[in-house]
Every structure is written in structure tokens, then in C-alpha cells.
């Protein structure tokens, strides 16, 4: 899966770090697949409690419900199993599950450290055009936080974090961060429904962006780590309310 990035639309130029490298062309946004759409839909229903723990998930029935073949259904269920939201049982189909608190905490802990690492590297390595692109996404999120649209905010939030992964200039770490975020995504997505969460999330992002623009590796890493820890807390608040 390729990482998203935006072209420059605003922001002052920032001096390039004293590292000789060739700028990579900005990758184009990737269209969401049918399997991904199914995964998000089913994950929302599980996290919201519309699909209760122990409920069976029949591939044929899901395919009929969403008017798709069983292939994207199978892939969506595989991804949900990786998040701990379903239990895939050999020869017996899949059932709804919930990850243990220990596993959920472990996923968030790994996510916090990987994203902190990306943010710190991005503070040192991001090109001027990449920094301007990050600022443009950050501004878009500011407007969406006022609009109060959690679904759209989530979509642009993915681009925000992708831009930081790409800015780390370390493809291997970026791949690990993205793979971990896919597993944690249903829980990160749910917390945006908390009252006032969009504005808080943008304020947390602002601390990350300011540190990156200053070239402050330690500050960017600490701000991002604190952001993910707050995301985990917000999800716990959401989980209690559903």
C-alpha cells in the first residue's frame, strides 16, 4: 500500500536539512478497495455493539448483504481478525470478538512508539514541499473540526499521518507504522465520535506540526506519543458509552 502525500498549497519554505538526498515524487492517493470499505463498515458495527461478541459472520450472507463476491469479504474478515475484532475458526467460520485489554494496550503502545519515531525523523528529514503539504492537510483538518464531520475528519486524518510516515524518509519504519495503524484503525476511528474530540485532536496535531516545522526531533516525537496515548484514552471513553 502506498503512502499519501499532498502537493504544496500553503506554508512558508523551510530550510532543507543538511542531508544530501534526491526528493521523491509525491505518491498519488490510493483509492479505497471494496475489502477496505467492508472492513470499515463491519468494524464500526462491532465497535458500536451492533454486532455482539459471539455473533457468527457468514461469508455468503455478508456478500449477499453488500452485493459483492466472497473475495473482498474474505479479505475484510482477515483484516478484522488481525485487529482482534473477530475470531476466525477453522472449518467453523468467523465470530465477532473483542480484543483483550492487554492486546489493545499492546497495539496502542506499539502505535505510539512507531508514530513517535516517524514524527521525530520527519522533523529532521522532511523537504520543504513535504512540510508545506503537511501544513495544508493540518489546515484542512482545522476546518473539518469546526464542521463537526467525524467521517470526513477520519479520512483526512489518515492523510495527515501518512504524510508524516512518508516524511520520515524511512520506508521500512513507515511500512511498520502503516501496518500497525490498520490494526488499530477501528478504535482510532471510533473515538472521533466523542463530543469535542475533533477540536482536541487538531490541537494535539498542532503540537506535532509545530515541532516538525522547527526541526525539533525530540519535541515532535514526544508530541506524537502523547497524541496516541490520548487517542487510546478517548477510545476507552467511547467504549464505555456504547
Protein backbone atom coordinates (compact mmCIF):
# COMPACT_ATOMS: atom_id res chain seq x y z
CA UNK A 1 0.00 0.00 0.00
CA UNK A 2 1.46 3.39 -0.95
CA UNK A 3 1.60 6.39 1.34
CA UNK A 4 -0.42 9.52 0.59
CA UNK A 5 1.08 12.97 0.25
CA UNK A 6 -0.25 16.32 -0.94
CA UNK A 7 1.34 18.94 -3.20
CA UNK A 8 2.22 22.33 -1.76
CA UNK A 9 -0.72 24.68 -1.31
CA UNK A 10 0.43 26.88 1.54
CA UNK A 11 3.10 27.47 4.14
CA UNK A 12 6.48 29.20 4.10
CA UNK A 13 9.52 27.43 2.76
CA UNK A 14 11.65 25.73 5.39
CA UNK A 15 15.39 25.31 5.06
CA UNK A 16 16.38 21.86 3.88
CA UNK A 17 18.22 19.71 6.43
CA UNK A 18 21.91 19.30 5.76
CA UNK A 19 21.46 15.85 4.27
CA UNK A 20 22.10 15.18 0.62
CA UNK A 21 19.27 13.21 -0.97
CA UNK A 22 17.09 13.17 -4.03
CA UNK A 23 13.47 14.24 -3.47
CA UNK A 24 10.98 11.54 -4.29
CA UNK A 25 7.87 12.38 -6.32
CA UNK A 26 4.74 12.67 -4.19
CA UNK A 27 2.68 9.46 -4.46
CA UNK A 28 -0.91 9.69 -5.61
CA UNK A 29 -3.71 8.95 -3.11
CA UNK A 30 -4.81 5.32 -3.18
CA UNK A 31 -8.46 4.56 -3.84
CA UNK A 32 -10.11 2.60 -1.07
CA UNK A 33 -10.79 -1.02 -2.04
CA UNK A 34 -14.09 -2.84 -1.63
CA UNK A 35 -12.48 -5.05 1.02
CA UNK A 36 -11.43 -1.93 2.92
CA UNK A 37 -14.95 -0.50 2.72
CA UNK A 38 -16.34 -3.74 4.10
CA UNK A 39 -13.74 -3.82 6.86
CA UNK A 40 -14.59 -0.29 7.99
CA UNK A 41 -18.34 -0.96 7.89
CA UNK A 42 -18.12 -4.22 9.84
CA UNK A 43 -15.60 -2.76 12.29
CA UNK A 44 -17.95 0.16 13.03
CA UNK A 45 -20.83 -2.24 13.67
CA UNK A 46 -18.69 -4.34 16.03
CA UNK A 47 -17.23 -1.37 17.92
CA UNK A 48 -20.70 0.20 18.25
CA UNK A 49 -22.13 -3.04 19.59
CA UNK A 50 -24.48 -3.63 16.66
CA UNK A 51 -22.72 -6.95 16.13
CA UNK A 52 -22.39 -8.56 19.54
CA UNK A 53 -19.48 -10.77 20.66
CA UNK A 54 -20.12 -14.35 19.59
CA UNK A 55 -22.31 -13.38 16.63
CA UNK A 56 -21.49 -15.51 13.56
CA UNK A 57 -20.13 -13.85 10.42
CA UNK A 58 -21.07 -15.91 7.41
CA UNK A 59 -19.16 -15.03 4.23
CA UNK A 60 -22.08 -15.83 1.92
CA UNK A 61 -24.54 -13.79 3.96
CA UNK A 62 -22.18 -10.78 4.13
CA UNK A 63 -21.51 -10.99 0.38
CA UNK A 64 -25.26 -11.01 -0.30
CA UNK A 65 -25.87 -8.12 2.09
CA UNK A 66 -23.29 -5.85 0.42
CA UNK A 67 -23.80 -7.21 -3.13
CA UNK A 68 -20.19 -8.29 -3.57
CA UNK A 69 -18.34 -11.52 -4.23
CA UNK A 70 -16.90 -13.53 -1.37
CA UNK A 71 -13.33 -12.47 -2.22
CA UNK A 72 -13.43 -8.96 -0.66
CA UNK A 73 -15.46 -10.38 2.24
CA UNK A 74 -12.74 -12.93 2.93
CA UNK A 75 -10.06 -10.20 2.87
CA UNK A 76 -12.10 -7.91 5.13
CA UNK A 77 -12.56 -10.70 7.68
CA UNK A 78 -8.83 -11.46 7.57
CA UNK A 79 -8.05 -7.82 8.40
CA UNK A 80 -10.65 -7.75 11.17
CA UNK A 81 -9.07 -10.84 12.70
CA UNK A 82 -5.72 -9.02 12.75
CA UNK A 83 -7.36 -6.23 14.79
CA UNK A 84 -8.80 -8.76 17.22
CA UNK A 85 -12.38 -7.84 16.30
CA UNK A 86 -13.30 -11.29 15.04
CA UNK A 87 -12.15 -14.82 15.75
CA UNK A 88 -11.57 -16.94 12.65
CA UNK A 89 -12.19 -20.61 13.43
CA UNK A 90 -11.02 -23.32 11.07
CA UNK A 91 -13.94 -25.09 9.32
CA UNK A 92 -16.43 -23.29 11.57
CA UNK A 93 -16.47 -19.75 10.16
CA UNK A 94 -15.80 -16.50 11.99
CA UNK A 95 -17.49 -14.95 15.01
CA UNK A 96 -17.41 -11.44 16.48
CA UNK A 97 -14.84 -10.99 19.23
CA UNK A 98 -13.27 -8.16 21.18
CA UNK A 99 -9.52 -7.88 21.74
CA UNK A 100 -8.42 -8.32 25.33
CA UNK A 101 -7.44 -5.16 27.20
CA UNK A 102 -3.86 -6.44 27.25
CA UNK A 103 -3.76 -6.83 23.47
CA UNK A 104 -5.45 -3.48 22.84
CA UNK A 105 -2.98 -1.71 25.12
CA UNK A 106 -0.13 -3.50 23.38
CA UNK A 107 -1.31 -2.36 19.95
CA UNK A 108 -1.65 1.25 21.11
CA UNK A 109 1.75 1.16 22.80
CA UNK A 110 3.40 -0.07 19.60
CA UNK A 111 1.47 2.52 17.58
CA UNK A 112 2.62 5.34 19.88
CA UNK A 113 6.28 4.39 19.59
CA UNK A 114 6.22 3.87 15.82
CA UNK A 115 4.42 7.15 15.16
CA UNK A 116 6.73 9.00 17.57
CA UNK A 117 9.72 7.61 15.67
CA UNK A 118 8.24 8.73 12.33
CA UNK A 119 7.46 12.21 13.65
CA UNK A 120 10.95 12.64 15.06
CA UNK A 121 12.61 11.59 11.82
CA UNK A 122 10.23 13.78 9.81
CA UNK A 123 11.29 16.80 11.88
CA UNK A 124 14.85 16.27 10.66
CA UNK A 125 14.27 14.97 7.15
CA UNK A 126 11.12 16.44 5.63
CA UNK A 127 11.66 18.50 2.49
CA UNK A 128 10.17 21.99 2.24
CA UNK A 129 7.44 20.78 -0.11
CA UNK A 130 6.54 17.96 2.28
CA UNK A 131 6.32 20.36 5.21
CA UNK A 132 4.06 22.67 3.22
CA UNK A 133 1.90 19.70 2.28
CA UNK A 134 1.60 18.69 5.94
CA UNK A 135 0.55 22.23 6.85
CA UNK A 136 -2.11 22.15 4.13
CA UNK A 137 -3.58 18.91 5.49
CA UNK A 138 -3.43 20.32 9.03
CA UNK A 139 -5.40 23.37 7.89
CA UNK A 140 -7.99 21.16 6.20
CA UNK A 141 -8.42 19.26 9.48
CA UNK A 142 -8.89 22.57 11.31
CA UNK A 143 -11.82 23.45 9.06
CA UNK A 144 -13.29 19.96 9.41
CA UNK A 145 -13.02 20.15 13.20
CA UNK A 146 -15.30 23.21 13.07
CA UNK A 147 -17.67 21.48 10.64
CA UNK A 148 -18.09 18.55 13.04
CA UNK A 149 -17.87 15.78 10.42
CA UNK A 150 -16.10 12.79 12.08
CA UNK A 151 -16.20 10.56 9.00
CA UNK A 152 -14.52 13.13 6.75
CA UNK A 153 -12.14 14.11 9.56
CA UNK A 154 -11.05 10.47 9.83
CA UNK A 155 -10.32 10.30 6.11
CA UNK A 156 -8.15 13.43 6.13
CA UNK A 157 -6.55 12.36 9.41
CA UNK A 158 -5.27 9.26 7.58
CA UNK A 159 -3.55 11.56 5.08
CA UNK A 160 -2.04 13.60 7.90
CA UNK A 161 -0.38 10.58 9.48
CA UNK A 162 0.62 9.17 6.08
CA UNK A 163 2.40 12.44 5.29
CA UNK A 164 4.43 12.12 8.49
CA UNK A 165 5.28 8.48 7.76
CA UNK A 166 6.50 9.49 4.29
CA UNK A 167 8.41 12.43 5.76
CA UNK A 168 10.44 10.08 7.93
CA UNK A 169 12.27 9.05 4.71
CA UNK A 170 12.47 5.52 6.10
CA UNK A 171 10.25 3.21 4.06
CA UNK A 172 10.66 0.23 6.38
CA UNK A 173 9.56 2.11 9.51
CA UNK A 174 6.74 3.72 7.51
CA UNK A 175 5.50 0.28 6.43
CA UNK A 176 5.50 -0.97 10.04
CA UNK A 177 3.65 2.13 11.23
CA UNK A 178 1.03 1.79 8.49
CA UNK A 179 0.53 -1.94 9.13
CA UNK A 180 0.07 -1.30 12.85
CA UNK A 181 -2.33 1.57 12.22
CA UNK A 182 -4.51 -0.67 10.04
CA UNK A 183 -4.93 -2.96 13.06
CA UNK A 184 -5.65 -0.11 15.47
CA UNK A 185 -7.77 1.87 12.99
CA UNK A 186 -11.24 0.70 14.11
CA UNK A 187 -10.56 2.01 17.61
CA UNK A 188 -8.93 5.23 16.44
CA UNK A 189 -11.87 5.83 14.11
CA UNK A 190 -14.46 5.28 16.86
CA UNK A 191 -13.04 7.90 19.25
CA UNK A 192 -13.77 10.70 16.77
CA UNK A 193 -17.44 10.34 17.75
CA UNK A 194 -16.74 11.64 21.26
CA UNK A 195 -18.11 15.13 21.92
CA UNK A 196 -15.45 17.75 21.23
CA UNK A 197 -12.89 15.19 20.10
CA UNK A 198 -12.23 16.70 16.66
CA UNK A 199 -11.05 20.01 18.11
CA UNK A 200 -8.90 18.23 20.69
CA UNK A 201 -7.34 16.03 18.02
CA UNK A 202 -6.49 19.06 15.91
CA UNK A 203 -4.87 20.78 18.90
CA UNK A 204 -2.77 17.66 19.53
CA UNK A 205 -1.77 17.60 15.87
CA UNK A 206 -0.80 21.27 16.12
CA UNK A 207 1.87 20.47 18.70
CA UNK A 208 3.28 17.80 16.38
CA UNK A 209 3.27 20.12 13.36
CA UNK A 210 4.93 23.00 15.22
CA UNK A 211 7.74 20.71 16.40
CA UNK A 212 8.25 19.29 12.89
CA UNK A 213 8.40 22.78 11.38
CA UNK A 214 11.04 23.75 13.93
CA UNK A 215 13.11 20.67 13.16
CA UNK A 216 12.69 19.58 16.79
CA UNK A 217 13.07 15.79 16.70
CA UNK A 218 12.55 15.20 20.41
CA UNK A 219 9.61 17.60 20.61
CA UNK A 220 7.88 16.05 17.59
CA UNK A 221 8.34 12.51 18.94
CA UNK A 222 7.03 13.46 22.39
CA UNK A 223 4.04 15.33 20.95
CA UNK A 224 3.09 12.41 18.72
CA UNK A 225 3.49 9.86 21.51
CA UNK A 226 1.27 11.98 23.78
CA UNK A 227 -1.29 12.27 20.95
CA UNK A 228 -1.60 8.50 20.52
CA UNK A 229 -1.85 7.99 24.27
CA UNK A 230 -4.72 10.46 24.34
CA UNK A 231 -6.36 8.64 21.42
CA UNK A 232 -6.28 5.45 23.48
CA UNK A 233 -7.90 7.24 26.41
CA UNK A 234 -10.60 8.70 24.16
CA UNK A 235 -11.38 5.24 22.78
CA UNK A 236 -11.80 3.92 26.32
CA UNK A 237 -14.28 6.74 26.99
CA UNK A 238 -16.16 5.85 23.80
CA UNK A 239 -16.20 2.13 24.63
CA UNK A 240 -17.85 2.79 27.97
CA UNK A 241 -20.57 4.90 26.33
CA UNK A 242 -21.74 2.29 23.75
